[in-house]
Structure formats: C-alpha cells, structure tokens
Amino acid sequence: MALPNQTDEERRAALEKAAQARHARAELRAKIKSGEVSIEEVLTAEDDPVIDKLKVKDMISSLPGYGKAKVAKVMEELNISETRRVKGLGSRQRQDLIERLSSK
C-alpha cells in the first residue's frame, strides 16, 4: 500500500498526533503500574481510544511483578495473540484476564 502524498504541514500534524497518542498510552501504563487504575477498569472501559489501541502484552507488563516470561505465559494460557490490542479482545478473554490478573 502506497503512502498518501502529504504536505509538510499534514505530515507534522500526523506526527504530533501520533506522539500525543503514544504519550497518553504511556501515562495509562504508568497509572496501571502505580495501582491508580486497575486492570478491571481498563478492560471494562468503553470507547476510549487510548485504551483501545493499547497492546494487551503492554497492559499486562505494566503490572508490578510481570516480566516478559510471565506475560507470555498468561497470554498463551488464555489464547491471546501477542499482537492483540485491548479493543480486539472478546468478552470471554476480557473476563478471563480480569479473573487471572485481579487475583494477584
């Protein structure tokens, strides 16, 4: 797929928008890490573009005590693809994650 031809101004605006989105996701991960926001709150939120675009593995790894190996194990046991984003989770996967991660 060819990239659209953009003016320099359009390109700068797109880059700024992408940077803001990355910053917002980083803030969300920091809130998860500090306990300010729970996994249940994240997984039950509706129509939040910041949460929807967050990768599930990044969300889980934000939890204290979850490194790469533990995150991979949880995702494999719950049959969640490594590239899955929160918006792409099914209701059963969301419930399984809440049960698995809230018990810790």
N, C-alpha and C. Protein backbone atom coordinates (compact mmCIF):
# COMPACT_ATOMS: atom_id res chain seq x y z
N MET A 1 0.85 -1.18 0.00
CA MET A 1 0.00 0.00 0.00
C MET A 1 0.89 1.24 0.00
N ALA A 2 0.66 2.09 -0.94
CA ALA A 2 1.46 3.30 -1.08
C ALA A 2 1.03 4.32 -0.03
N LEU A 3 2.02 5.04 0.46
CA LEU A 3 1.72 6.09 1.43
C LEU A 3 1.08 7.28 0.72
N PRO A 4 0.13 7.93 1.36
CA PRO A 4 -0.50 9.08 0.72
C PRO A 4 0.49 10.25 0.64
N ASN A 5 0.34 11.04 -0.41
CA ASN A 5 1.18 12.23 -0.54
C ASN A 5 0.65 13.28 0.43
N GLN A 6 1.53 13.73 1.32
CA GLN A 6 1.13 14.72 2.32
C GLN A 6 2.02 15.94 2.20
N THR A 7 1.44 17.06 2.53
CA THR A 7 2.25 18.28 2.61
C THR A 7 3.07 18.19 3.89
N ASP A 8 4.07 19.03 3.99
CA ASP A 8 4.90 19.05 5.20
C ASP A 8 4.05 19.36 6.43
N GLU A 9 3.08 20.23 6.29
CA GLU A 9 2.21 20.60 7.41
C GLU A 9 1.35 19.40 7.84
N GLU A 10 0.80 18.68 6.88
CA GLU A 10 -0.01 17.49 7.21
C GLU A 10 0.84 16.43 7.88
N ARG A 11 2.06 16.26 7.39
CA ARG A 11 2.97 15.27 7.97
C ARG A 11 3.32 15.63 9.42
N ARG A 12 3.61 16.90 9.67
CA ARG A 12 3.91 17.36 11.03
C ARG A 12 2.71 17.15 11.95
N ALA A 13 1.51 17.44 11.46
CA ALA A 13 0.30 17.26 12.26
C ALA A 13 0.09 15.78 12.60
N ALA A 14 0.33 14.91 11.63
CA ALA A 14 0.18 13.46 11.86
C ALA A 14 1.20 12.96 12.87
N LEU A 15 2.43 13.45 12.76
CA LEU A 15 3.48 13.05 13.70
C LEU A 15 3.16 13.53 15.11
N GLU A 16 2.63 14.73 15.22
CA GLU A 16 2.26 15.27 16.53
C GLU A 16 1.11 14.47 17.14
N LYS A 17 0.13 14.12 16.32
CA LYS A 17 -1.00 13.32 16.79
C LYS A 17 -0.52 11.95 17.28
N ALA A 18 0.39 11.34 16.55
CA ALA A 18 0.93 10.02 16.94
C ALA A 18 1.72 10.13 18.23
N ALA A 19 2.49 11.19 18.39
CA ALA A 19 3.27 11.40 19.62
C ALA A 19 2.35 11.58 20.82
N GLN A 20 1.25 12.31 20.64
CA GLN A 20 0.30 12.51 21.73
C GLN A 20 -0.35 11.18 22.12
N ALA A 21 -0.66 10.35 21.14
CA ALA A 21 -1.27 9.04 21.42
C ALA A 21 -0.29 8.15 22.18
N ARG A 22 0.97 8.14 21.78
CA ARG A 22 1.98 7.34 22.49
C ARG A 22 2.15 7.83 23.92
N HIS A 23 2.14 9.14 24.10
CA HIS A 23 2.28 9.72 25.44
C HIS A 23 1.09 9.34 26.32
N ALA A 24 -0.11 9.39 25.76
CA ALA A 24 -1.31 9.03 26.52
C ALA A 24 -1.28 7.55 26.94
N ARG A 25 -0.82 6.67 26.03
CA ARG A 25 -0.71 5.25 26.39
C ARG A 25 0.36 5.03 27.46
N ALA A 26 1.45 5.78 27.39
CA ALA A 26 2.50 5.67 28.41
C ALA A 26 1.97 6.12 29.77
N GLU A 27 1.17 7.17 29.79
CA GLU A 27 0.56 7.63 31.05
C GLU A 27 -0.37 6.57 31.62
N LEU A 28 -1.15 5.93 30.75
CA LEU A 28 -2.05 4.87 31.20
C LEU A 28 -1.26 3.71 31.80
N ARG A 29 -0.17 3.31 31.14
CA ARG A 29 0.66 2.22 31.68
C ARG A 29 1.26 2.60 33.03
N ALA A 30 1.64 3.86 33.20
CA ALA A 30 2.18 4.32 34.48
C ALA A 30 1.11 4.27 35.57
N LYS A 31 -0.13 4.61 35.22
CA LYS A 31 -1.23 4.56 36.19
C LYS A 31 -1.54 3.11 36.58
N ILE A 32 -1.44 2.21 35.62
CA ILE A 32 -1.64 0.78 35.93
C ILE A 32 -0.54 0.31 36.87
N LYS A 33 0.69 0.70 36.57
CA LYS A 33 1.83 0.28 37.38
C LYS A 33 1.72 0.78 38.81
N SER A 34 1.25 2.01 38.99
CA SER A 34 1.14 2.60 40.32
C SER A 34 -0.10 2.13 41.08
N GLY A 35 -1.00 1.45 40.39
CA GLY A 35 -2.22 0.98 41.03
C GLY A 35 -3.34 2.00 41.01
N GLU A 36 -3.11 3.12 40.37
CA GLU A 36 -4.11 4.18 40.28
C GLU A 36 -5.31 3.73 39.42
N VAL A 37 -5.01 2.87 38.43
CA VAL A 37 -6.04 2.31 37.56
C VAL A 37 -5.91 0.80 37.60
N SER A 38 -7.02 0.10 37.79
CA SER A 38 -6.98 -1.37 37.85
C SER A 38 -7.17 -1.96 36.45
N ILE A 39 -6.76 -3.21 36.32
CA ILE A 39 -6.96 -3.93 35.06
C ILE A 39 -8.45 -4.03 34.74
N GLU A 40 -9.26 -4.24 35.76
CA GLU A 40 -10.70 -4.33 35.54
C GLU A 40 -11.25 -3.02 34.97
N GLU A 41 -10.78 -1.89 35.48
CA GLU A 41 -11.22 -0.59 34.96
C GLU A 41 -10.83 -0.43 33.49
N VAL A 42 -9.63 -0.88 33.16
CA VAL A 42 -9.16 -0.78 31.78
C VAL A 42 -10.00 -1.67 30.86
N LEU A 43 -10.22 -2.90 31.29
CA LEU A 43 -10.91 -3.86 30.43
C LEU A 43 -12.42 -3.63 30.33
N THR A 44 -12.98 -2.89 31.26
CA THR A 44 -14.43 -2.62 31.19
C THR A 44 -14.74 -1.23 30.65
N ALA A 45 -13.72 -0.44 30.38
CA ALA A 45 -13.93 0.90 29.81
C ALA A 45 -14.47 0.75 28.39
N GLU A 46 -15.34 1.66 28.01
CA GLU A 46 -15.94 1.61 26.68
C GLU A 46 -15.53 2.81 25.85
N ASP A 47 -15.19 2.55 24.61
CA ASP A 47 -14.89 3.59 23.61
C ASP A 47 -13.88 4.62 24.07
N ASP A 48 -12.78 4.16 24.63
CA ASP A 48 -11.67 5.04 24.98
C ASP A 48 -10.54 4.74 24.00
N PRO A 49 -10.23 5.67 23.09
CA PRO A 49 -9.22 5.39 22.06
C PRO A 49 -7.84 5.06 22.63
N VAL A 50 -7.51 5.62 23.79
CA VAL A 50 -6.20 5.33 24.40
C VAL A 50 -6.15 3.87 24.83
N ILE A 51 -7.20 3.41 25.48
CA ILE A 51 -7.26 2.02 25.95
C ILE A 51 -7.40 1.07 24.77
N ASP A 52 -8.24 1.42 23.80
CA ASP A 52 -8.49 0.54 22.66
C ASP A 52 -7.22 0.21 21.88
N LYS A 53 -6.32 1.16 21.76
CA LYS A 53 -5.10 0.95 20.97
C LYS A 53 -3.95 0.33 21.77
N LEU A 54 -4.12 0.17 23.08
CA LEU A 54 -3.07 -0.40 23.93
C LEU A 54 -2.94 -1.89 23.67
N LYS A 55 -1.71 -2.36 23.48
CA LYS A 55 -1.48 -3.79 23.30
C LYS A 55 -1.68 -4.50 24.63
N VAL A 56 -2.29 -5.67 24.56
CA VAL A 56 -2.58 -6.43 25.77
C VAL A 56 -1.29 -6.77 26.51
N LYS A 57 -0.24 -7.16 25.77
CA LYS A 57 1.01 -7.52 26.44
C LYS A 57 1.62 -6.32 27.16
N ASP A 58 1.46 -5.12 26.62
CA ASP A 58 1.96 -3.92 27.29
C ASP A 58 1.15 -3.61 28.54
N MET A 59 -0.16 -3.86 28.47
CA MET A 59 -1.02 -3.64 29.63
C MET A 59 -0.62 -4.58 30.76
N ILE A 60 -0.44 -5.86 30.45
CA ILE A 60 -0.09 -6.84 31.48
C ILE A 60 1.30 -6.56 32.04
N SER A 61 2.24 -6.22 31.16
CA SER A 61 3.61 -5.98 31.64
C SER A 61 3.71 -4.72 32.50
N SER A 62 2.67 -3.88 32.46
CA SER A 62 2.65 -2.69 33.33
C SER A 62 2.39 -3.06 34.78
N LEU A 63 1.84 -4.24 35.00
CA LEU A 63 1.57 -4.68 36.37
C LEU A 63 2.87 -5.01 37.09
N PRO A 64 2.99 -4.63 38.34
CA PRO A 64 4.19 -4.98 39.10
C PRO A 64 4.34 -6.51 39.18
N GLY A 65 5.55 -6.99 38.95
CA GLY A 65 5.82 -8.42 39.06
C GLY A 65 5.62 -9.19 37.77
N TYR A 66 5.24 -8.53 36.70
CA TYR A 66 5.02 -9.20 35.42
C TYR A 66 6.09 -8.78 34.42
N GLY A 67 6.99 -9.72 34.13
CA GLY A 67 8.02 -9.50 33.12
C GLY A 67 7.63 -10.20 31.84
N LYS A 68 8.57 -10.26 30.90
CA LYS A 68 8.28 -10.85 29.59
C LYS A 68 7.81 -12.29 29.68
N ALA A 69 8.48 -13.10 30.50
CA ALA A 69 8.13 -14.52 30.59
C ALA A 69 6.74 -14.72 31.18
N LYS A 70 6.45 -14.01 32.24
CA LYS A 70 5.14 -14.16 32.90
C LYS A 70 4.02 -13.65 31.99
N VAL A 71 4.27 -12.56 31.29
CA VAL A 71 3.28 -12.02 30.36
C VAL A 71 3.02 -13.03 29.24
N ALA A 72 4.08 -13.59 28.68
CA ALA A 72 3.93 -14.57 27.60
C ALA A 72 3.16 -15.79 28.09
N LYS A 73 3.42 -16.24 29.31
CA LYS A 73 2.73 -17.40 29.86
C LYS A 73 1.23 -17.13 30.01
N VAL A 74 0.88 -15.97 30.57
CA VAL A 74 -0.53 -15.61 30.75
C VAL A 74 -1.23 -15.54 29.40
N MET A 75 -0.61 -14.89 28.44
CA MET A 75 -1.25 -14.74 27.14
C MET A 75 -1.40 -16.08 26.42
N GLU A 76 -0.42 -16.94 26.57
CA GLU A 76 -0.51 -18.26 25.95
C GLU A 76 -1.61 -19.09 26.60
N GLU A 77 -1.68 -19.07 27.93
CA GLU A 77 -2.70 -19.84 28.64
C GLU A 77 -4.11 -19.37 28.32
N LEU A 78 -4.27 -18.08 28.06
CA LEU A 78 -5.60 -17.53 27.75
C LEU A 78 -5.86 -17.43 26.24
N ASN A 79 -4.92 -17.98 25.45
CA ASN A 79 -5.06 -17.98 23.98
C ASN A 79 -5.26 -16.58 23.40
N ILE A 80 -4.39 -15.66 23.81
CA ILE A 80 -4.44 -14.29 23.30
C ILE A 80 -3.19 -14.06 22.47
N SER A 81 -3.38 -13.61 21.25
CA SER A 81 -2.27 -13.35 20.34
C SER A 81 -1.35 -12.27 20.92
N GLU A 82 -0.08 -12.39 20.62
CA GLU A 82 0.92 -11.43 21.13
C GLU A 82 0.68 -10.02 20.59
N THR A 83 0.06 -9.93 19.43
CA THR A 83 -0.16 -8.62 18.80
C THR A 83 -1.55 -8.04 19.08
N ARG A 84 -2.35 -8.73 19.87
CA ARG A 84 -3.73 -8.31 20.15
C ARG A 84 -3.76 -6.99 20.93
N ARG A 85 -4.67 -6.14 20.55
CA ARG A 85 -4.90 -4.89 21.28
C ARG A 85 -6.15 -5.05 22.13
N VAL A 86 -6.31 -4.21 23.13
CA VAL A 86 -7.42 -4.33 24.07
C VAL A 86 -8.76 -4.30 23.34
N LYS A 87 -8.90 -3.46 22.34
CA LYS A 87 -10.17 -3.37 21.60
C LYS A 87 -10.51 -4.69 20.92
N GLY A 88 -9.52 -5.46 20.54
CA GLY A 88 -9.74 -6.71 19.81
C GLY A 88 -10.05 -7.91 20.69
N LEU A 89 -10.09 -7.72 22.00
CA LEU A 89 -10.38 -8.84 22.90
C LEU A 89 -11.87 -9.17 22.88
N GLY A 90 -12.16 -10.46 22.98
CA GLY A 90 -13.55 -10.89 23.11
C GLY A 90 -13.99 -10.76 24.56
N SER A 91 -15.29 -10.85 24.79
CA SER A 91 -15.81 -10.70 26.15
C SER A 91 -15.28 -11.79 27.07
N ARG A 92 -15.13 -13.00 26.55
CA ARG A 92 -14.60 -14.10 27.37
C ARG A 92 -13.13 -13.85 27.72
N GLN A 93 -12.35 -13.37 26.77
CA GLN A 93 -10.95 -13.06 27.03
C GLN A 93 -10.82 -11.95 28.07
N ARG A 94 -11.66 -10.95 27.97
CA ARG A 94 -11.63 -9.86 28.95
C ARG A 94 -11.92 -10.40 30.35
N GLN A 95 -12.96 -11.23 30.45
CA GLN A 95 -13.33 -11.79 31.75
C GLN A 95 -12.22 -12.68 32.30
N ASP A 96 -11.61 -13.49 31.43
CA ASP A 96 -10.51 -14.35 31.87
C ASP A 96 -9.32 -13.53 32.38
N LEU A 97 -9.01 -12.44 31.69
CA LEU A 97 -7.92 -11.56 32.12
C LEU A 97 -8.23 -10.92 33.47
N ILE A 98 -9.46 -10.46 33.64
CA ILE A 98 -9.84 -9.84 34.91
C ILE A 98 -9.69 -10.85 36.05
N GLU A 99 -10.21 -12.05 35.83
CA GLU A 99 -10.12 -13.09 36.87
C GLU A 99 -8.66 -13.45 37.17
N ARG A 100 -7.86 -13.58 36.13
CA ARG A 100 -6.47 -14.00 36.29
C ARG A 100 -5.61 -12.93 36.95
N LEU A 101 -5.79 -11.68 36.54
CA LEU A 101 -4.89 -10.61 36.98
C LEU A 101 -5.38 -9.88 38.22
N SER A 102 -6.65 -9.95 38.52
CA SER A 102 -7.16 -9.29 39.72
C SER A 102 -6.92 -10.10 40.97
N SER A 103 -6.66 -11.40 40.81
CA SER A 103 -6.44 -12.27 41.97
C SER A 103 -5.05 -12.09 42.58
N LYS A 104 -4.17 -11.41 41.86
CA LYS A 104 -2.79 -11.24 42.33
C LYS A 104 -2.67 -10.06 43.26
